[in-house]
Amino acid sequence: MQRMGMMIGIAPEKIAEYKALHAAVWPQVLARLSEANVRNYTIFLREPENVLFGYWEYHGADFNADMGRIAADPETQRWWTFCGPCQVPLASRAEGEHWAMMEPVFHMD
């Protein structure tokens, strides 16, 4: 199992919309995440900085293939058309990233 953290900005005027979207995530999107071996997924909001922090645990053997299946899913792509306009990618993110991935430096069970 691999723990993964990521960050992205959020447009302040879109916070209520983003919260409403995530209060009722579409079942197909949740199913696709589960099929891609994503577990224990949580998104946190930090205001007034307007930053989202996402955490999940990846339980698969081929992360790139699993993420590719998520990205290829039409319903997930449609979901992103609603979420994407709310998000403000960090300028410091790596090439090809939307959410900026983070390095784990400590964990306690």
N, C-alpha and C. Protein backbone atom coordinates (compact mmCIF):
# COMPACT_ATOMS: atom_id res chain seq x y z
N MET A 1 0.85 -1.18 0.00
CA MET A 1 0.00 0.00 0.00
C MET A 1 0.89 1.24 0.00
N GLN A 2 0.49 2.21 -0.78
CA GLN A 2 1.24 3.46 -0.91
C GLN A 2 0.33 4.62 -0.51
N ARG A 3 0.78 5.43 0.45
CA ARG A 3 0.03 6.63 0.85
C ARG A 3 0.44 7.77 -0.07
N MET A 4 -0.56 8.54 -0.52
CA MET A 4 -0.29 9.61 -1.47
C MET A 4 -0.99 10.89 -1.02
N GLY A 5 -0.25 12.00 -1.07
CA GLY A 5 -0.79 13.31 -0.74
C GLY A 5 -0.60 14.24 -1.92
N MET A 6 -1.54 15.15 -2.09
CA MET A 6 -1.48 16.08 -3.21
C MET A 6 -2.21 17.37 -2.84
N MET A 7 -1.82 18.46 -3.49
CA MET A 7 -2.42 19.76 -3.21
C MET A 7 -2.81 20.45 -4.52
N ILE A 8 -3.80 21.32 -4.38
CA ILE A 8 -4.23 22.18 -5.48
C ILE A 8 -4.95 23.37 -4.87
N GLY A 9 -4.94 24.48 -5.55
CA GLY A 9 -5.70 25.63 -5.09
C GLY A 9 -7.17 25.48 -5.46
N ILE A 10 -7.98 26.32 -4.85
CA ILE A 10 -9.40 26.37 -5.20
C ILE A 10 -9.81 27.83 -5.31
N ALA A 11 -10.60 28.14 -6.31
CA ALA A 11 -11.09 29.51 -6.49
C ALA A 11 -12.06 29.82 -5.35
N PRO A 12 -11.85 30.91 -4.62
CA PRO A 12 -12.70 31.20 -3.46
C PRO A 12 -14.18 31.27 -3.79
N GLU A 13 -14.52 31.76 -4.96
CA GLU A 13 -15.93 31.87 -5.34
C GLU A 13 -16.53 30.52 -5.73
N LYS A 14 -15.71 29.48 -5.81
CA LYS A 14 -16.17 28.14 -6.19
C LYS A 14 -16.20 27.16 -5.02
N ILE A 15 -15.85 27.62 -3.83
CA ILE A 15 -15.76 26.70 -2.69
C ILE A 15 -17.11 26.05 -2.38
N ALA A 16 -18.18 26.82 -2.34
CA ALA A 16 -19.50 26.24 -2.05
C ALA A 16 -19.90 25.22 -3.11
N GLU A 17 -19.65 25.52 -4.35
CA GLU A 17 -19.96 24.58 -5.44
C GLU A 17 -19.14 23.30 -5.30
N TYR A 18 -17.86 23.42 -4.99
CA TYR A 18 -16.99 22.26 -4.84
C TYR A 18 -17.45 21.38 -3.67
N LYS A 19 -17.81 22.02 -2.58
CA LYS A 19 -18.33 21.27 -1.43
C LYS A 19 -19.62 20.53 -1.80
N ALA A 20 -20.50 21.19 -2.53
CA ALA A 20 -21.76 20.55 -2.94
C ALA A 20 -21.50 19.36 -3.86
N LEU A 21 -20.58 19.51 -4.79
CA LEU A 21 -20.23 18.39 -5.67
C LEU A 21 -19.75 17.20 -4.86
N HIS A 22 -18.91 17.46 -3.89
CA HIS A 22 -18.31 16.36 -3.12
C HIS A 22 -19.21 15.83 -2.00
N ALA A 23 -20.29 16.51 -1.75
CA ALA A 23 -21.29 15.98 -0.81
C ALA A 23 -22.10 14.87 -1.46
N ALA A 24 -22.03 14.79 -2.79
CA ALA A 24 -22.80 13.77 -3.52
C ALA A 24 -22.00 13.32 -4.75
N VAL A 25 -20.82 12.74 -4.52
CA VAL A 25 -19.99 12.28 -5.63
C VAL A 25 -20.75 11.19 -6.40
N TRP A 26 -20.68 11.25 -7.70
CA TRP A 26 -21.41 10.31 -8.55
C TRP A 26 -20.94 8.88 -8.30
N PRO A 27 -21.86 7.95 -8.20
CA PRO A 27 -21.50 6.54 -7.93
C PRO A 27 -20.49 5.96 -8.93
N GLN A 28 -20.62 6.31 -10.21
CA GLN A 28 -19.68 5.78 -11.21
C GLN A 28 -18.26 6.27 -10.95
N VAL A 29 -18.12 7.50 -10.50
CA VAL A 29 -16.79 8.05 -10.19
C VAL A 29 -16.19 7.30 -9.01
N LEU A 30 -16.99 7.08 -7.98
CA LEU A 30 -16.52 6.33 -6.82
C LEU A 30 -16.16 4.89 -7.20
N ALA A 31 -16.97 4.27 -8.04
CA ALA A 31 -16.69 2.90 -8.48
C ALA A 31 -15.38 2.83 -9.25
N ARG A 32 -15.15 3.78 -10.13
CA ARG A 32 -13.92 3.80 -10.92
C ARG A 32 -12.70 3.94 -10.01
N LEU A 33 -12.79 4.81 -9.00
CA LEU A 33 -11.68 4.95 -8.05
C LEU A 33 -11.42 3.63 -7.33
N SER A 34 -12.47 2.99 -6.88
CA SER A 34 -12.31 1.70 -6.19
C SER A 34 -11.69 0.65 -7.11
N GLU A 35 -12.16 0.60 -8.35
CA GLU A 35 -11.61 -0.35 -9.33
C GLU A 35 -10.14 -0.08 -9.61
N ALA A 36 -9.72 1.17 -9.44
CA ALA A 36 -8.33 1.56 -9.67
C ALA A 36 -7.49 1.43 -8.40
N ASN A 37 -8.00 0.71 -7.42
CA ASN A 37 -7.25 0.40 -6.20
C ASN A 37 -6.99 1.61 -5.30
N VAL A 38 -7.86 2.61 -5.37
CA VAL A 38 -7.78 3.78 -4.50
C VAL A 38 -8.67 3.54 -3.29
N ARG A 39 -8.14 3.73 -2.11
CA ARG A 39 -8.88 3.54 -0.87
C ARG A 39 -8.63 4.74 0.05
N ASN A 40 -9.51 4.91 1.01
CA ASN A 40 -9.32 5.90 2.07
C ASN A 40 -9.01 7.29 1.49
N TYR A 41 -9.80 7.71 0.51
CA TYR A 41 -9.59 8.99 -0.17
C TYR A 41 -10.30 10.10 0.61
N THR A 42 -9.55 11.12 0.94
CA THR A 42 -10.09 12.27 1.67
C THR A 42 -9.55 13.55 1.05
N ILE A 43 -10.40 14.57 0.94
CA ILE A 43 -9.97 15.89 0.50
C ILE A 43 -10.27 16.87 1.63
N PHE A 44 -9.26 17.65 2.01
CA PHE A 44 -9.38 18.67 3.05
C PHE A 44 -9.29 20.05 2.40
N LEU A 45 -9.99 21.01 2.98
CA LEU A 45 -9.96 22.41 2.53
C LEU A 45 -9.31 23.27 3.60
N ARG A 46 -8.39 24.12 3.20
CA ARG A 46 -7.78 25.09 4.11
C ARG A 46 -8.11 26.50 3.62
N GLU A 47 -8.90 27.18 4.45
CA GLU A 47 -9.19 28.60 4.20
C GLU A 47 -8.49 29.41 5.28
N PRO A 48 -8.08 30.60 5.06
CA PRO A 48 -8.33 31.47 3.91
C PRO A 48 -7.34 31.30 2.75
N GLU A 49 -6.40 30.36 2.87
CA GLU A 49 -5.42 30.17 1.81
C GLU A 49 -6.03 29.57 0.55
N ASN A 50 -7.20 28.94 0.71
CA ASN A 50 -7.93 28.34 -0.41
C ASN A 50 -7.09 27.27 -1.11
N VAL A 51 -6.69 26.30 -0.30
CA VAL A 51 -5.90 25.17 -0.77
C VAL A 51 -6.64 23.88 -0.42
N LEU A 52 -6.66 22.95 -1.35
CA LEU A 52 -7.20 21.62 -1.10
C LEU A 52 -6.03 20.66 -0.92
N PHE A 53 -6.16 19.78 0.07
CA PHE A 53 -5.17 18.71 0.29
C PHE A 53 -5.90 17.40 0.12
N GLY A 54 -5.43 16.57 -0.77
CA GLY A 54 -6.02 15.26 -0.99
C GLY A 54 -5.10 14.17 -0.48
N TYR A 55 -5.71 13.15 0.10
CA TYR A 55 -4.95 12.00 0.61
C TYR A 55 -5.67 10.74 0.15
N TRP A 56 -4.91 9.75 -0.32
CA TRP A 56 -5.49 8.44 -0.60
C TRP A 56 -4.44 7.38 -0.40
N GLU A 57 -4.92 6.16 -0.33
CA GLU A 57 -4.04 5.01 -0.23
C GLU A 57 -4.23 4.20 -1.50
N TYR A 58 -3.11 3.90 -2.15
CA TYR A 58 -3.13 3.12 -3.39
C TYR A 58 -2.74 1.69 -3.06
N HIS A 59 -3.61 0.75 -3.40
CA HIS A 59 -3.42 -0.65 -3.06
C HIS A 59 -3.14 -1.53 -4.28
N GLY A 60 -2.79 -0.94 -5.39
CA GLY A 60 -2.57 -1.70 -6.61
C GLY A 60 -1.10 -1.99 -6.87
N ALA A 61 -0.85 -2.55 -8.05
CA ALA A 61 0.51 -2.91 -8.45
C ALA A 61 1.01 -2.08 -9.63
N ASP A 62 0.10 -1.38 -10.33
CA ASP A 62 0.50 -0.59 -11.50
C ASP A 62 -0.23 0.75 -11.46
N PHE A 63 0.35 1.69 -10.73
CA PHE A 63 -0.28 2.99 -10.51
C PHE A 63 -0.60 3.70 -11.82
N ASN A 64 0.37 3.75 -12.74
CA ASN A 64 0.14 4.47 -14.00
C ASN A 64 -1.01 3.87 -14.80
N ALA A 65 -1.09 2.55 -14.85
CA ALA A 65 -2.18 1.90 -15.58
C ALA A 65 -3.52 2.19 -14.91
N ASP A 66 -3.56 2.11 -13.58
CA ASP A 66 -4.81 2.38 -12.87
C ASP A 66 -5.25 3.83 -13.06
N MET A 67 -4.30 4.78 -13.00
CA MET A 67 -4.66 6.19 -13.21
C MET A 67 -5.09 6.42 -14.65
N GLY A 68 -4.50 5.69 -15.58
CA GLY A 68 -4.91 5.78 -16.98
C GLY A 68 -6.35 5.33 -17.19
N ARG A 69 -6.75 4.26 -16.49
CA ARG A 69 -8.14 3.79 -16.59
C ARG A 69 -9.11 4.83 -16.01
N ILE A 70 -8.72 5.49 -14.93
CA ILE A 70 -9.56 6.56 -14.38
C ILE A 70 -9.69 7.67 -15.42
N ALA A 71 -8.57 8.10 -15.98
CA ALA A 71 -8.57 9.22 -16.93
C ALA A 71 -9.34 8.89 -18.20
N ALA A 72 -9.42 7.63 -18.57
CA ALA A 72 -10.11 7.23 -19.80
C ALA A 72 -11.62 7.04 -19.60
N ASP A 73 -12.07 7.03 -18.36
CA ASP A 73 -13.48 6.78 -18.06
C ASP A 73 -14.34 7.99 -18.43
N PRO A 74 -15.32 7.84 -19.33
CA PRO A 74 -16.14 8.98 -19.77
C PRO A 74 -16.88 9.68 -18.62
N GLU A 75 -17.38 8.92 -17.66
CA GLU A 75 -18.12 9.55 -16.56
C GLU A 75 -17.18 10.35 -15.66
N THR A 76 -15.97 9.85 -15.45
CA THR A 76 -14.97 10.60 -14.68
C THR A 76 -14.58 11.86 -15.44
N GLN A 77 -14.40 11.76 -16.74
CA GLN A 77 -14.09 12.94 -17.54
C GLN A 77 -15.19 13.99 -17.42
N ARG A 78 -16.44 13.54 -17.42
CA ARG A 78 -17.57 14.46 -17.27
C ARG A 78 -17.54 15.10 -15.88
N TRP A 79 -17.23 14.31 -14.83
CA TRP A 79 -17.11 14.81 -13.46
C TRP A 79 -16.07 15.92 -13.40
N TRP A 80 -14.95 15.70 -14.08
CA TRP A 80 -13.88 16.70 -14.08
C TRP A 80 -14.30 18.01 -14.73
N THR A 81 -15.28 17.97 -15.64
CA THR A 81 -15.73 19.22 -16.25
C THR A 81 -16.43 20.11 -15.22
N PHE A 82 -16.92 19.51 -14.15
CA PHE A 82 -17.54 20.28 -13.07
C PHE A 82 -16.50 20.70 -12.03
N CYS A 83 -15.62 19.79 -11.66
CA CYS A 83 -14.61 20.05 -10.62
C CYS A 83 -13.47 20.93 -11.12
N GLY A 84 -13.04 20.70 -12.34
CA GLY A 84 -11.88 21.40 -12.89
C GLY A 84 -11.96 22.91 -12.81
N PRO A 85 -13.10 23.52 -13.18
CA PRO A 85 -13.18 24.98 -13.12
C PRO A 85 -13.10 25.55 -11.70
N CYS A 86 -13.30 24.71 -10.70
CA CYS A 86 -13.19 25.15 -9.31
C CYS A 86 -11.73 25.20 -8.84
N GLN A 87 -10.90 24.41 -9.49
CA GLN A 87 -9.53 24.20 -9.03
C GLN A 87 -8.55 25.17 -9.68
N VAL A 88 -7.50 25.51 -8.92
CA VAL A 88 -6.44 26.38 -9.39
C VAL A 88 -5.12 25.64 -9.19
N PRO A 89 -4.61 24.98 -10.24
CA PRO A 89 -3.37 24.23 -10.08
C PRO A 89 -2.22 25.12 -9.58
N LEU A 90 -1.38 24.53 -8.74
CA LEU A 90 -0.24 25.26 -8.19
C LEU A 90 0.81 25.50 -9.28
N ALA A 91 1.39 26.68 -9.29
CA ALA A 91 2.43 27.00 -10.28
C ALA A 91 3.64 26.09 -10.12
N SER A 92 3.86 25.57 -8.94
CA SER A 92 5.03 24.73 -8.66
C SER A 92 4.83 23.26 -9.00
N ARG A 93 3.68 22.88 -9.53
CA ARG A 93 3.43 21.47 -9.81
C ARG A 93 4.37 20.97 -10.90
N ALA A 94 4.60 19.68 -10.92
CA ALA A 94 5.46 19.07 -11.93
C ALA A 94 4.75 19.05 -13.28
N GLU A 95 5.51 18.98 -14.33
CA GLU A 95 4.94 18.91 -15.67
C GLU A 95 4.01 17.70 -15.77
N GLY A 96 2.82 17.93 -16.31
CA GLY A 96 1.85 16.86 -16.46
C GLY A 96 0.92 16.68 -15.27
N GLU A 97 1.20 17.35 -14.16
CA GLU A 97 0.34 17.23 -12.98
C GLU A 97 -0.77 18.26 -13.01
N HIS A 98 -1.93 17.88 -12.49
CA HIS A 98 -3.01 18.84 -12.22
C HIS A 98 -2.95 19.15 -10.73
N TRP A 99 -3.15 18.13 -9.91
CA TRP A 99 -2.88 18.22 -8.48
C TRP A 99 -1.37 18.04 -8.31
N ALA A 100 -0.74 18.83 -7.45
CA ALA A 100 0.69 18.70 -7.18
C ALA A 100 0.91 17.60 -6.15
N MET A 101 1.68 16.59 -6.53
CA MET A 101 1.95 15.47 -5.63
C MET A 101 2.93 15.91 -4.55
N MET A 102 2.85 15.23 -3.41
CA MET A 102 3.68 15.58 -2.25
C MET A 102 4.51 14.38 -1.81
N GLU A 103 5.64 14.67 -1.20
CA GLU A 103 6.53 13.64 -0.68
C GLU A 103 6.16 13.32 0.77
N PRO A 104 5.97 12.05 1.10
CA PRO A 104 5.71 11.72 2.50
C PRO A 104 7.02 11.84 3.30
N VAL A 105 6.92 12.47 4.48
CA VAL A 105 8.10 12.60 5.33
C VAL A 105 7.91 12.03 6.72
N PHE A 106 6.66 11.66 7.09
CA PHE A 106 6.41 11.07 8.40
C PHE A 106 5.09 10.34 8.36
N HIS A 107 5.03 9.22 9.07
CA HIS A 107 3.79 8.48 9.24
C HIS A 107 3.83 7.78 10.59
N MET A 108 2.69 7.78 11.28
CA MET A 108 2.54 7.03 12.53
C MET A 108 1.23 6.27 12.47
N ASP A 109 1.28 4.97 12.73
CA ASP A 109 0.05 4.16 12.82
C ASP A 109 -0.53 4.28 14.20
